[in-house]
Amino acid sequence: SPPLGETLASAAKFFAVMLLLNIVMLLFLLLPPVFPFVFYGVNGYLLGREYFEVVAARRLDPVAARMLRRHNLRTIFPAGVLLALLLTIPVVNLLAPLVGTAAMVHLFAKMQRQWRS
């Protein structure tokens, strides 16, 4: 498992990104037709990033995990958006973390195989 210092630094960086994006997202409350798209987009990005990094941190060093995440953002983002959608459905949201983790493990394995070949 990753060292405690790296884990805390990564968590602090993610918190800063999350805080900044949510502050920006507040501005879109003034545009009701656009807000749902912004909401799912921002939360999809954040959920996809966090779930992917949690899975990748167990198998790769932080630099390689970050590179793999950035290289595969087009795959991770839609998975995060689907997870955000699942989290807004009552009762289904209880299973969403399990489904999200399983999905990211499978996506990570596929990405890692493609990266190595």
C-alpha atoms as a PDB file:
ATOM      1  CA  SER A   1       0.000   0.000   0.000  1.00  0.00           C
ATOM      2  CA  PRO A   2       1.150   3.580  -0.594  1.00  0.00           C
ATOM      3  CA  PRO A   3       2.934   5.492   2.181  1.00  0.00           C
ATOM      4  CA  LEU A   4       0.821   7.648   4.487  1.00  0.00           C
ATOM      5  CA  GLY A   5       2.452  10.897   3.357  1.00  0.00           C
ATOM      6  CA  GLU A   6       1.655  10.250  -0.312  1.00  0.00           C
ATOM      7  CA  THR A   7      -1.894   9.270   0.564  1.00  0.00           C
ATOM      8  CA  LEU A   8      -2.464  12.449   2.585  1.00  0.00           C
ATOM      9  CA  ALA A   9      -0.925  14.633  -0.148  1.00  0.00           C
ATOM     10  CA  SER A  10      -3.118  12.989  -2.777  1.00  0.00           C
ATOM     11  CA  ALA A  11      -6.219  13.441  -0.596  1.00  0.00           C
ATOM     12  CA  ALA A  12      -5.408  17.121   0.009  1.00  0.00           C
ATOM     13  CA  LYS A  13      -4.905  17.728  -3.720  1.00  0.00           C
ATOM     14  CA  PHE A  14      -8.181  15.982  -4.556  1.00  0.00           C
ATOM     15  CA  PHE A  15      -9.970  18.008  -1.866  1.00  0.00           C
ATOM     16  CA  ALA A  16      -8.660  21.260  -3.371  1.00  0.00           C
ATOM     17  CA  VAL A  17      -9.818  20.245  -6.874  1.00  0.00           C
ATOM     18  CA  MET A  18     -13.200  19.164  -5.508  1.00  0.00           C
ATOM     19  CA  LEU A  19     -13.660  22.406  -3.605  1.00  0.00           C
ATOM     20  CA  LEU A  20     -12.713  24.548  -6.602  1.00  0.00           C
ATOM     21  CA  LEU A  21     -14.997  22.673  -9.010  1.00  0.00           C
ATOM     22  CA  ASN A  22     -17.934  22.837  -6.600  1.00  0.00           C
ATOM     23  CA  ILE A  23     -17.479  26.575  -6.125  1.00  0.00           C
ATOM     24  CA  VAL A  24     -17.483  27.040  -9.908  1.00  0.00           C
ATOM     25  CA  MET A  25     -20.503  24.756 -10.169  1.00  0.00           C
ATOM     26  CA  LEU A  26     -22.435  27.043  -7.800  1.00  0.00           C
ATOM     27  CA  LEU A  27     -22.413  29.724 -10.503  1.00  0.00           C
ATOM     28  CA  PHE A  28     -24.412  27.406 -12.745  1.00  0.00           C
ATOM     29  CA  LEU A  29     -27.280  27.325 -10.234  1.00  0.00           C
ATOM     30  CA  LEU A  30     -28.312  30.581 -11.875  1.00  0.00           C
ATOM     31  CA  LEU A  31     -28.820  28.712 -15.179  1.00  0.00           C
ATOM     32  CA  PRO A  32     -31.351  25.976 -14.298  1.00  0.00           C
ATOM     33  CA  PRO A  33     -31.472  24.293 -17.760  1.00  0.00           C
ATOM     34  CA  VAL A  34     -27.679  23.889 -17.789  1.00  0.00           C
ATOM     35  CA  PHE A  35     -27.143  22.951 -14.146  1.00  0.00           C
ATOM     36  CA  PRO A  36     -27.972  19.205 -14.367  1.00  0.00           C
ATOM     37  CA  PHE A  37     -25.415  18.742 -17.148  1.00  0.00           C
ATOM     38  CA  VAL A  38     -22.775  20.643 -15.188  1.00  0.00           C
ATOM     39  CA  PHE A  39     -23.677  18.740 -12.013  1.00  0.00           C
ATOM     40  CA  TYR A  40     -23.288  15.312 -13.615  1.00  0.00           C
ATOM     41  CA  GLY A  41     -20.208  16.421 -15.536  1.00  0.00           C
ATOM     42  CA  VAL A  42     -18.379  17.732 -12.478  1.00  0.00           C
ATOM     43  CA  ASN A  43     -19.402  14.850 -10.253  1.00  0.00           C
ATOM     44  CA  GLY A  44     -18.660  12.346 -13.006  1.00  0.00           C
ATOM     45  CA  TYR A  45     -15.157  13.732 -13.327  1.00  0.00           C
ATOM     46  CA  LEU A  46     -14.596  13.720  -9.559  1.00  0.00           C
ATOM     47  CA  LEU A  47     -16.042  10.248  -8.990  1.00  0.00           C
ATOM     48  CA  GLY A  48     -14.235   8.728 -11.952  1.00  0.00           C
ATOM     49  CA  ARG A  49     -10.956  10.287 -10.893  1.00  0.00           C
ATOM     50  CA  GLU A  50     -11.239   9.213  -7.260  1.00  0.00           C
ATOM     51  CA  TYR A  51     -12.430   5.672  -7.899  1.00  0.00           C
ATOM     52  CA  PHE A  52      -9.753   5.162 -10.546  1.00  0.00           C
ATOM     53  CA  GLU A  53      -6.988   6.540  -8.329  1.00  0.00           C
ATOM     54  CA  VAL A  54      -8.048   4.343  -5.414  1.00  0.00           C
ATOM     55  CA  VAL A  55      -7.846   1.266  -7.624  1.00  0.00           C
ATOM     56  CA  ALA A  56      -4.630   2.354  -9.348  1.00  0.00           C
ATOM     57  CA  ALA A  57      -2.901   3.283  -6.071  1.00  0.00           C
ATOM     58  CA  ARG A  58      -2.968  -0.365  -5.052  1.00  0.00           C
ATOM     59  CA  ARG A  59      -1.161  -1.490  -8.187  1.00  0.00           C
ATOM     60  CA  LEU A  60       0.978   1.397  -9.497  1.00  0.00           C
ATOM     61  CA  ASP A  61       3.174   4.156  -8.192  1.00  0.00           C
ATOM     62  CA  PRO A  62       1.455   7.589  -8.055  1.00  0.00           C
ATOM     63  CA  VAL A  63       3.175   8.993 -11.158  1.00  0.00           C
ATOM     64  CA  ALA A  64       2.247   5.990 -13.322  1.00  0.00           C
ATOM     65  CA  ALA A  65      -1.315   6.015 -11.972  1.00  0.00           C
ATOM     66  CA  ARG A  66      -1.690   9.715 -12.802  1.00  0.00           C
ATOM     67  CA  MET A  67      -0.313   9.196 -16.319  1.00  0.00           C
ATOM     68  CA  LEU A  68      -2.615   6.236 -16.909  1.00  0.00           C
ATOM     69  CA  ARG A  69      -5.614   8.257 -15.654  1.00  0.00           C
ATOM     70  CA  ARG A  70      -4.821  11.226 -17.874  1.00  0.00           C
ATOM     71  CA  HIS A  71      -4.218   8.990 -20.889  1.00  0.00           C
ATOM     72  CA  ASN A  72      -7.595   7.255 -20.407  1.00  0.00           C
ATOM     73  CA  LEU A  73      -9.763  10.192 -19.353  1.00  0.00           C
ATOM     74  CA  ARG A  74     -12.172   9.495 -22.230  1.00  0.00           C
ATOM     75  CA  THR A  75     -12.976   6.125 -20.668  1.00  0.00           C
ATOM     76  CA  ILE A  76     -12.883   7.116 -16.994  1.00  0.00           C
ATOM     77  CA  PHE A  77     -15.098  10.212 -17.340  1.00  0.00           C
ATOM     78  CA  PRO A  78     -18.160   8.401 -18.767  1.00  0.00           C
ATOM     79  CA  ALA A  79     -17.791   5.708 -16.101  1.00  0.00           C
ATOM     80  CA  GLY A  80     -17.800   8.453 -13.474  1.00  0.00           C
ATOM     81  CA  VAL A  81     -20.880  10.071 -14.995  1.00  0.00           C
ATOM     82  CA  LEU A  82     -22.711   6.730 -14.923  1.00  0.00           C
ATOM     83  CA  LEU A  83     -21.691   6.326 -11.292  1.00  0.00           C
ATOM     84  CA  ALA A  84     -22.974   9.838 -10.516  1.00  0.00           C
ATOM     85  CA  LEU A  85     -26.282   8.941 -12.172  1.00  0.00           C
ATOM     86  CA  LEU A  86     -26.520   5.749 -10.102  1.00  0.00           C
ATOM     87  CA  LEU A  87     -25.868   7.711  -6.931  1.00  0.00           C
ATOM     88  CA  THR A  88     -28.901   9.934  -7.579  1.00  0.00           C
ATOM     89  CA  ILE A  89     -31.351   7.026  -7.778  1.00  0.00           C
ATOM     90  CA  PRO A  90     -32.829   6.092  -4.385  1.00  0.00           C
ATOM     91  CA  VAL A  91     -32.071   2.550  -3.174  1.00  0.00           C
ATOM     92  CA  VAL A  92     -29.788   1.959  -6.168  1.00  0.00           C
ATOM     93  CA  ASN A  93     -27.390   4.458  -4.596  1.00  0.00           C
ATOM     94  CA  LEU A  94     -26.720   1.913  -1.847  1.00  0.00           C
ATOM     95  CA  LEU A  95     -25.091  -0.423  -4.372  1.00  0.00           C
ATOM     96  CA  ALA A  96     -23.421   2.281  -6.461  1.00  0.00           C
ATOM     97  CA  PRO A  97     -20.067   2.282  -4.573  1.00  0.00           C
ATOM     98  CA  LEU A  98     -19.761  -1.473  -5.052  1.00  0.00           C
ATOM     99  CA  VAL A  99     -20.659  -1.234  -8.734  1.00  0.00           C
ATOM    100  CA  GLY A 100     -18.317   1.730  -9.219  1.00  0.00           C
ATOM    101  CA  THR A 101     -15.372  -0.024  -7.589  1.00  0.00           C
ATOM    102  CA  ALA A 102     -15.939  -3.203  -9.583  1.00  0.00           C
ATOM    103  CA  ALA A 103     -16.243  -1.226 -12.814  1.00  0.00           C
ATOM    104  CA  MET A 104     -13.024   0.690 -12.134  1.00  0.00           C
ATOM    105  CA  VAL A 105     -11.135  -2.511 -11.310  1.00  0.00           C
ATOM    106  CA  HIS A 106     -12.185  -3.962 -14.666  1.00  0.00           C
ATOM    107  CA  LEU A 107     -11.419  -0.724 -16.532  1.00  0.00           C
ATOM    108  CA  PHE A 108      -8.042  -0.452 -14.812  1.00  0.00           C
ATOM    109  CA  ALA A 109      -7.112  -4.025 -15.752  1.00  0.00           C
ATOM    110  CA  LYS A 110      -8.077  -3.385 -19.374  1.00  0.00           C
ATOM    111  CA  MET A 111      -6.149  -0.096 -19.484  1.00  0.00           C
ATOM    112  CA  GLN A 112      -3.082  -1.640 -17.896  1.00  0.00           C
ATOM    113  CA  ARG A 113      -3.062  -4.474 -20.463  1.00  0.00           C
ATOM    114  CA  GLN A 114      -3.333  -1.933 -23.303  1.00  0.00           C
ATOM    115  CA  TRP A 115      -0.622   0.269 -21.748  1.00  0.00           C
ATOM    116  CA  ARG A 116       1.847  -2.643 -21.524  1.00  0.00           C
ATOM    117  CA  SER A 117       1.281  -3.835 -25.079  1.00  0.00           C
END
